[in-house]
Amino acid sequence: MDLNQSIEFNLSSTSSPQLHNFMPMSSFLLPNYNHTTKQGCEEARNSRFMQVLKQNLDNFWNRQLWKIQNISAFKSRHQLPLARIKRVMKTNREVKMISADTPILLSKACELFILELTLRSWLQTQECKRQMLQRFDIARAIRLVDTLDFLVELVSFDHHNKDDETGNCGEDVEPLSAVQVPVPMIDINEDLVLTDQEIAP
């Protein structure tokens, strides 16, 4: 066989090209293009969601850090009751006295924790194209973060467990049509949530 010779291919023929069996492979080793494209779409969707989540969380923590650094004095009115926080702290028998600023700091830490969990859950709700935060949105948000493992036993994953595993986000809920008004953003510290339109690809 002369390798320097040109070979003409007939494009009009309908017969399949001749395949040489240089390295025999079983069919399961060959790529499955249908599975790959479906998996690629799912990965792209998850990647986009993770990008939106990361940018929203970065924005959230930057805003919270700025507020903490620029605070002139602690407010006397807090989101969480200080008496309850003191009671929780005194459940530990080793605690004899509590300094005055400890309940305030713990109250702020709890407030930030609740705000971040709410933000993560709201983004799950938006990913599923719904307007109402539901229990399994909180469960999905908890499942995505390793640091929230301690909450897994407290939140049930049973309600939409099958939908969560497949990523359907509850297909029984009707998605928003293009004609409807966009979902109002939850007001977590002055419009903190970014939408897909605000994020540059």
C-alpha atoms as a PDB file:
ATOM      1  CA  MET A   1       0.000   0.000   0.000  1.00  0.00           C
ATOM      2  CA  ASP A   2       1.429   3.331  -1.063  1.00  0.00           C
ATOM      3  CA  LEU A   3       0.741   5.985   1.588  1.00  0.00           C
ATOM      4  CA  ASN A   4       1.776   8.817  -0.709  1.00  0.00           C
ATOM      5  CA  GLN A   5      -1.107   8.130  -3.061  1.00  0.00           C
ATOM      6  CA  SER A   6      -4.164  10.371  -2.814  1.00  0.00           C
ATOM      7  CA  ILE A   7      -7.471   8.755  -1.995  1.00  0.00           C
ATOM      8  CA  GLU A   8     -10.756  10.130  -3.282  1.00  0.00           C
ATOM      9  CA  PHE A   9     -13.865   9.852  -1.160  1.00  0.00           C
ATOM     10  CA  ASN A  10     -17.256   9.676  -2.791  1.00  0.00           C
ATOM     11  CA  LEU A  11     -19.577  11.858  -0.717  1.00  0.00           C
ATOM     12  CA  SER A  12     -22.676  10.858  -2.664  1.00  0.00           C
ATOM     13  CA  SER A  13     -22.539   7.222  -1.643  1.00  0.00           C
ATOM     14  CA  THR A  14     -24.909   6.221   1.140  1.00  0.00           C
ATOM     15  CA  SER A  15     -22.883   3.261   2.285  1.00  0.00           C
ATOM     16  CA  SER A  16     -21.197   3.608   5.622  1.00  0.00           C
ATOM     17  CA  PRO A  17     -17.447   4.167   5.548  1.00  0.00           C
ATOM     18  CA  GLN A  18     -15.215   1.195   6.009  1.00  0.00           C
ATOM     19  CA  LEU A  19     -14.066   0.863   9.594  1.00  0.00           C
ATOM     20  CA  HIS A  20     -10.863  -0.885  10.376  1.00  0.00           C
ATOM     21  CA  ASN A  21     -10.821  -2.950  13.502  1.00  0.00           C
ATOM     22  CA  PHE A  22      -7.430  -1.830  14.773  1.00  0.00           C
ATOM     23  CA  MET A  23      -8.301  -2.250  18.415  1.00  0.00           C
ATOM     24  CA  PRO A  24     -11.357  -4.317  19.220  1.00  0.00           C
ATOM     25  CA  MET A  25     -13.558  -2.703  21.901  1.00  0.00           C
ATOM     26  CA  SER A  26     -16.712  -3.851  23.498  1.00  0.00           C
ATOM     27  CA  SER A  27     -19.728  -1.599  23.033  1.00  0.00           C
ATOM     28  CA  PHE A  28     -19.764  -0.373  26.641  1.00  0.00           C
ATOM     29  CA  LEU A  29     -16.328   1.229  26.138  1.00  0.00           C
ATOM     30  CA  LEU A  30     -17.527   3.300  23.199  1.00  0.00           C
ATOM     31  CA  PRO A  31     -18.909   6.741  23.975  1.00  0.00           C
ATOM     32  CA  ASN A  32     -22.644   7.082  24.373  1.00  0.00           C
ATOM     33  CA  TYR A  33     -23.407  10.411  22.719  1.00  0.00           C
ATOM     34  CA  ASN A  34     -27.028  10.630  23.872  1.00  0.00           C
ATOM     35  CA  HIS A  35     -26.003  10.095  27.467  1.00  0.00           C
ATOM     36  CA  THR A  36     -23.110  12.528  27.065  1.00  0.00           C
ATOM     37  CA  THR A  37     -25.269  15.358  25.729  1.00  0.00           C
ATOM     38  CA  LYS A  38     -27.896  14.837  28.422  1.00  0.00           C
ATOM     39  CA  GLN A  39     -25.193  14.685  31.071  1.00  0.00           C
ATOM     40  CA  GLY A  40     -23.522  17.747  29.541  1.00  0.00           C
ATOM     41  CA  CYS A  41     -26.755  19.735  29.716  1.00  0.00           C
ATOM     42  CA  GLU A  42     -27.257  18.713  33.331  1.00  0.00           C
ATOM     43  CA  GLU A  43     -23.662  19.653  34.178  1.00  0.00           C
ATOM     44  CA  ALA A  44     -24.064  23.012  32.434  1.00  0.00           C
ATOM     45  CA  ARG A  45     -27.269  23.700  34.365  1.00  0.00           C
ATOM     46  CA  ASN A  46     -25.641  22.720  37.659  1.00  0.00           C
ATOM     47  CA  SER A  47     -22.582  24.780  36.798  1.00  0.00           C
ATOM     48  CA  ARG A  48     -24.760  27.819  36.061  1.00  0.00           C
ATOM     49  CA  PHE A  49     -26.664  27.346  39.329  1.00  0.00           C
ATOM     50  CA  MET A  50     -23.435  26.992  41.294  1.00  0.00           C
ATOM     51  CA  GLN A  51     -22.119  30.175  39.650  1.00  0.00           C
ATOM     52  CA  VAL A  52     -25.274  32.092  40.626  1.00  0.00           C
ATOM     53  CA  LEU A  53     -25.100  30.637  44.136  1.00  0.00           C
ATOM     54  CA  LYS A  54     -21.433  31.565  44.570  1.00  0.00           C
ATOM     55  CA  GLN A  55     -21.947  35.128  43.356  1.00  0.00           C
ATOM     56  CA  ASN A  56     -24.987  35.623  45.580  1.00  0.00           C
ATOM     57  CA  LEU A  57     -23.143  34.261  48.616  1.00  0.00           C
ATOM     58  CA  ASP A  58     -20.081  36.409  47.890  1.00  0.00           C
ATOM     59  CA  ASN A  59     -22.310  39.463  47.604  1.00  0.00           C
ATOM     60  CA  PHE A  60     -24.155  38.496  50.805  1.00  0.00           C
ATOM     61  CA  TRP A  61     -20.993  38.039  52.876  1.00  0.00           C
ATOM     62  CA  ASN A  62     -19.331  41.172  51.478  1.00  0.00           C
ATOM     63  CA  ARG A  63     -22.397  43.221  52.419  1.00  0.00           C
ATOM     64  CA  GLN A  64     -22.581  41.656  55.896  1.00  0.00           C
ATOM     65  CA  LEU A  65     -18.864  42.238  56.486  1.00  0.00           C
ATOM     66  CA  TRP A  66     -19.219  45.858  55.388  1.00  0.00           C
ATOM     67  CA  LYS A  67     -22.178  46.343  57.761  1.00  0.00           C
ATOM     68  CA  ILE A  68     -20.289  44.788  60.673  1.00  0.00           C
ATOM     69  CA  GLN A  69     -17.173  46.890  60.043  1.00  0.00           C
ATOM     70  CA  ASN A  70     -19.158  50.120  59.705  1.00  0.00           C
ATOM     71  CA  ILE A  71     -21.462  49.643  62.689  1.00  0.00           C
ATOM     72  CA  SER A  72     -21.184  52.433  65.225  1.00  0.00           C
ATOM     73  CA  ALA A  73     -22.898  50.668  68.140  1.00  0.00           C
ATOM     74  CA  PHE A  74     -24.898  47.527  68.713  1.00  0.00           C
ATOM     75  CA  LYS A  75     -28.616  48.007  68.556  1.00  0.00           C
ATOM     76  CA  SER A  76     -30.559  47.380  71.706  1.00  0.00           C
ATOM     77  CA  ARG A  77     -33.198  45.609  69.624  1.00  0.00           C
ATOM     78  CA  HIS A  78     -32.113  42.290  68.094  1.00  0.00           C
ATOM     79  CA  GLN A  79     -33.696  39.837  65.699  1.00  0.00           C
ATOM     80  CA  LEU A  80     -33.448  37.000  68.225  1.00  0.00           C
ATOM     81  CA  PRO A  81     -34.468  37.298  71.892  1.00  0.00           C
ATOM     82  CA  LEU A  82     -31.422  37.673  74.124  1.00  0.00           C
ATOM     83  CA  ALA A  83     -33.121  36.008  77.106  1.00  0.00           C
ATOM     84  CA  ARG A  84     -33.593  32.812  75.106  1.00  0.00           C
ATOM     85  CA  ILE A  85     -29.974  32.902  73.952  1.00  0.00           C
ATOM     86  CA  LYS A  86     -28.819  33.270  77.565  1.00  0.00           C
ATOM     87  CA  ARG A  87     -31.019  30.339  78.562  1.00  0.00           C
ATOM     88  CA  VAL A  88     -29.497  28.188  75.802  1.00  0.00           C
ATOM     89  CA  MET A  89     -25.992  29.144  76.875  1.00  0.00           C
ATOM     90  CA  LYS A  90     -26.742  28.307  80.522  1.00  0.00           C
ATOM     91  CA  THR A  91     -27.854  24.775  79.618  1.00  0.00           C
ATOM     92  CA  ASN A  92     -24.159  23.947  79.664  1.00  0.00           C
ATOM     93  CA  ARG A  93     -23.424  23.345  83.359  1.00  0.00           C
ATOM     94  CA  GLU A  94     -19.852  24.558  83.013  1.00  0.00           C
ATOM     95  CA  VAL A  95     -21.069  28.074  82.187  1.00  0.00           C
ATOM     96  CA  LYS A  96     -21.258  30.107  85.387  1.00  0.00           C
ATOM     97  CA  MET A  97     -21.308  33.658  84.046  1.00  0.00           C
ATOM     98  CA  ILE A  98     -21.963  35.175  80.654  1.00  0.00           C
ATOM     99  CA  SER A  99     -20.356  38.425  79.587  1.00  0.00           C
ATOM    100  CA  ALA A 100     -22.674  41.151  78.326  1.00  0.00           C
ATOM    101  CA  ASP A 101     -21.484  41.044  74.732  1.00  0.00           C
ATOM    102  CA  THR A 102     -21.623  37.245  74.293  1.00  0.00           C
ATOM    103  CA  PRO A 103     -25.403  36.992  73.783  1.00  0.00           C
ATOM    104  CA  ILE A 104     -25.282  39.887  71.336  1.00  0.00           C
ATOM    105  CA  LEU A 105     -22.518  38.232  69.305  1.00  0.00           C
ATOM    106  CA  LEU A 106     -24.303  34.879  69.391  1.00  0.00           C
ATOM    107  CA  SER A 107     -27.520  36.588  68.321  1.00  0.00           C
ATOM    108  CA  LYS A 108     -25.729  38.163  65.346  1.00  0.00           C
ATOM    109  CA  ALA A 109     -24.111  34.828  64.430  1.00  0.00           C
ATOM    110  CA  CYS A 110     -27.512  33.095  64.516  1.00  0.00           C
ATOM    111  CA  GLU A 111     -29.014  35.891  62.441  1.00  0.00           C
ATOM    112  CA  LEU A 112     -26.283  35.528  59.800  1.00  0.00           C
ATOM    113  CA  PHE A 113     -26.720  31.750  59.784  1.00  0.00           C
ATOM    114  CA  ILE A 114     -30.472  32.076  59.236  1.00  0.00           C
ATOM    115  CA  LEU A 115     -29.994  34.677  56.494  1.00  0.00           C
ATOM    116  CA  GLU A 116     -27.468  32.527  54.620  1.00  0.00           C
ATOM    117  CA  LEU A 117     -29.645  29.413  54.856  1.00  0.00           C
ATOM    118  CA  THR A 118     -32.629  31.445  53.656  1.00  0.00           C
ATOM    119  CA  LEU A 119     -30.618  32.777  50.715  1.00  0.00           C
ATOM    120  CA  ARG A 120     -29.453  29.291  49.728  1.00  0.00           C
ATOM    121  CA  SER A 121     -33.011  27.945  50.019  1.00  0.00           C
ATOM    122  CA  TRP A 122     -34.453  30.834  48.012  1.00  0.00           C
ATOM    123  CA  LEU A 123     -31.968  30.179  45.216  1.00  0.00           C
ATOM    124  CA  GLN A 124     -33.124  26.538  45.208  1.00  0.00           C
ATOM    125  CA  THR A 125     -36.702  27.799  44.864  1.00  0.00           C
ATOM    126  CA  GLN A 126     -35.732  30.022  41.939  1.00  0.00           C
ATOM    127  CA  GLU A 127     -33.833  27.161  40.300  1.00  0.00           C
ATOM    128  CA  CYS A 128     -37.086  25.183  40.353  1.00  0.00           C
ATOM    129  CA  LYS A 129     -38.952  28.186  38.884  1.00  0.00           C
ATOM    130  CA  ARG A 130     -41.276  28.617  41.840  1.00  0.00           C
ATOM    131  CA  GLN A 131     -42.300  31.628  43.883  1.00  0.00           C
ATOM    132  CA  MET A 132     -42.822  29.980  47.257  1.00  0.00           C
ATOM    133  CA  LEU A 133     -40.088  28.649  49.499  1.00  0.00           C
ATOM    134  CA  GLN A 134     -40.886  25.073  50.498  1.00  0.00           C
ATOM    135  CA  ARG A 135     -39.469  22.656  53.039  1.00  0.00           C
ATOM    136  CA  PHE A 136     -37.592  20.559  50.486  1.00  0.00           C
ATOM    137  CA  ASP A 137     -35.846  23.703  49.165  1.00  0.00           C
ATOM    138  CA  ILE A 138     -34.304  24.079  52.598  1.00  0.00           C
ATOM    139  CA  ALA A 139     -33.453  20.371  52.580  1.00  0.00           C
ATOM    140  CA  ARG A 140     -31.757  20.672  49.167  1.00  0.00           C
ATOM    141  CA  ALA A 141     -29.797  23.728  50.329  1.00  0.00           C
ATOM    142  CA  ILE A 142     -28.628  21.817  53.401  1.00  0.00           C
ATOM    143  CA  ARG A 143     -27.638  18.808  51.324  1.00  0.00           C
ATOM    144  CA  LEU A 144     -25.421  20.912  49.009  1.00  0.00           C
ATOM    145  CA  VAL A 145     -23.210  22.252  51.813  1.00  0.00           C
ATOM    146  CA  ASP A 146     -20.905  20.026  53.841  1.00  0.00           C
ATOM    147  CA  THR A 147     -20.793  22.442  56.763  1.00  0.00           C
ATOM    148  CA  LEU A 148     -24.544  22.011  57.300  1.00  0.00           C
ATOM    149  CA  ASP A 149     -24.289  18.249  57.883  1.00  0.00           C
ATOM    150  CA  PHE A 150     -25.488  18.651  61.454  1.00  0.00           C
ATOM    151  CA  LEU A 151     -28.932  19.711  60.143  1.00  0.00           C
ATOM    152  CA  VAL A 152     -29.486  16.624  57.983  1.00  0.00           C
ATOM    153  CA  GLU A 153     -31.192  14.721  60.799  1.00  0.00           C
ATOM    154  CA  LEU A 154     -33.450  17.675  61.666  1.00  0.00           C
ATOM    155  CA  VAL A 155     -34.830  18.305  58.171  1.00  0.00           C
ATOM    156  CA  SER A 156     -36.765  15.586  56.395  1.00  0.00           C
ATOM    157  CA  PHE A 157     -35.783  14.791  52.827  1.00  0.00           C
ATOM    158  CA  ASP A 158     -38.696  12.407  52.277  1.00  0.00           C
ATOM    159  CA  HIS A 159     -41.277  14.727  50.702  1.00  0.00           C
ATOM    160  CA  HIS A 160     -39.698  15.172  47.263  1.00  0.00           C
ATOM    161  CA  ASN A 161     -36.763  12.801  47.657  1.00  0.00           C
ATOM    162  CA  LYS A 162     -37.364  11.140  44.294  1.00  0.00           C
ATOM    163  CA  ASP A 163     -37.540  14.517  42.528  1.00  0.00           C
ATOM    164  CA  ASP A 164     -34.440  15.746  44.331  1.00  0.00           C
ATOM    165  CA  GLU A 165     -32.362  12.795  43.174  1.00  0.00           C
ATOM    166  CA  THR A 166     -33.366  13.242  39.550  1.00  0.00           C
ATOM    167  CA  GLY A 167     -33.123  17.026  39.681  1.00  0.00           C
ATOM    168  CA  ASN A 168     -36.719  17.562  38.534  1.00  0.00           C
ATOM    169  CA  CYS A 169     -37.440  20.171  41.212  1.00  0.00           C
ATOM    170  CA  GLY A 170     -41.000  18.972  41.605  1.00  0.00           C
ATOM    171  CA  GLU A 171     -42.309  18.738  38.052  1.00  0.00           C
ATOM    172  CA  ASP A 172     -45.867  18.796  39.378  1.00  0.00           C
ATOM    173  CA  VAL A 173     -45.427  22.531  40.008  1.00  0.00           C
ATOM    174  CA  GLU A 174     -46.192  24.583  36.919  1.00  0.00           C
ATOM    175  CA  PRO A 175     -43.181  26.608  35.771  1.00  0.00           C
ATOM    176  CA  LEU A 176     -43.488  30.336  35.198  1.00  0.00           C
ATOM    177  CA  SER A 177     -44.393  31.389  31.698  1.00  0.00           C
ATOM    178  CA  ALA A 178     -42.458  34.078  29.867  1.00  0.00           C
ATOM    179  CA  VAL A 179     -45.450  36.448  30.034  1.00  0.00           C
ATOM    180  CA  GLN A 180     -45.577  36.563  33.835  1.00  0.00           C
ATOM    181  CA  VAL A 181     -43.875  39.235  35.853  1.00  0.00           C
ATOM    182  CA  PRO A 182     -40.425  38.146  37.111  1.00  0.00           C
ATOM    183  CA  VAL A 183     -40.246  36.643  40.578  1.00  0.00           C
ATOM    184  CA  PRO A 184     -39.874  39.376  43.199  1.00  0.00           C
ATOM    185  CA  MET A 185     -36.523  39.097  44.911  1.00  0.00           C
ATOM    186  CA  ILE A 186     -36.564  38.278  48.593  1.00  0.00           C
ATOM    187  CA  ASP A 187     -35.408  41.304  50.525  1.00  0.00           C
ATOM    188  CA  ILE A 188     -32.435  39.948  52.423  1.00  0.00           C
ATOM    189  CA  ASN A 189     -30.626  43.091  53.460  1.00  0.00           C
ATOM    190  CA  GLU A 190     -31.669  45.386  50.649  1.00  0.00           C
ATOM    191  CA  ASP A 191     -31.989  43.359  47.452  1.00  0.00           C
ATOM    192  CA  LEU A 192     -29.041  41.090  47.993  1.00  0.00           C
ATOM    193  CA  VAL A 193     -30.079  38.329  45.594  1.00  0.00           C
ATOM    194  CA  LEU A 194     -28.693  38.465  42.066  1.00  0.00           C
ATOM    195  CA  THR A 195     -30.626  36.985  39.177  1.00  0.00           C
ATOM    196  CA  ASP A 196     -29.345  35.198  36.085  1.00  0.00           C
ATOM    197  CA  GLN A 197     -29.769  38.399  34.061  1.00  0.00           C
ATOM    198  CA  GLU A 198     -27.439  40.329  36.382  1.00  0.00           C
ATOM    199  CA  ILE A 199     -24.622  37.803  36.114  1.00  0.00           C
ATOM    200  CA  ALA A 200     -22.324  38.089  33.143  1.00  0.00           C
ATOM    201  CA  PRO A 201     -21.596  34.703  31.496  1.00  0.00           C
END
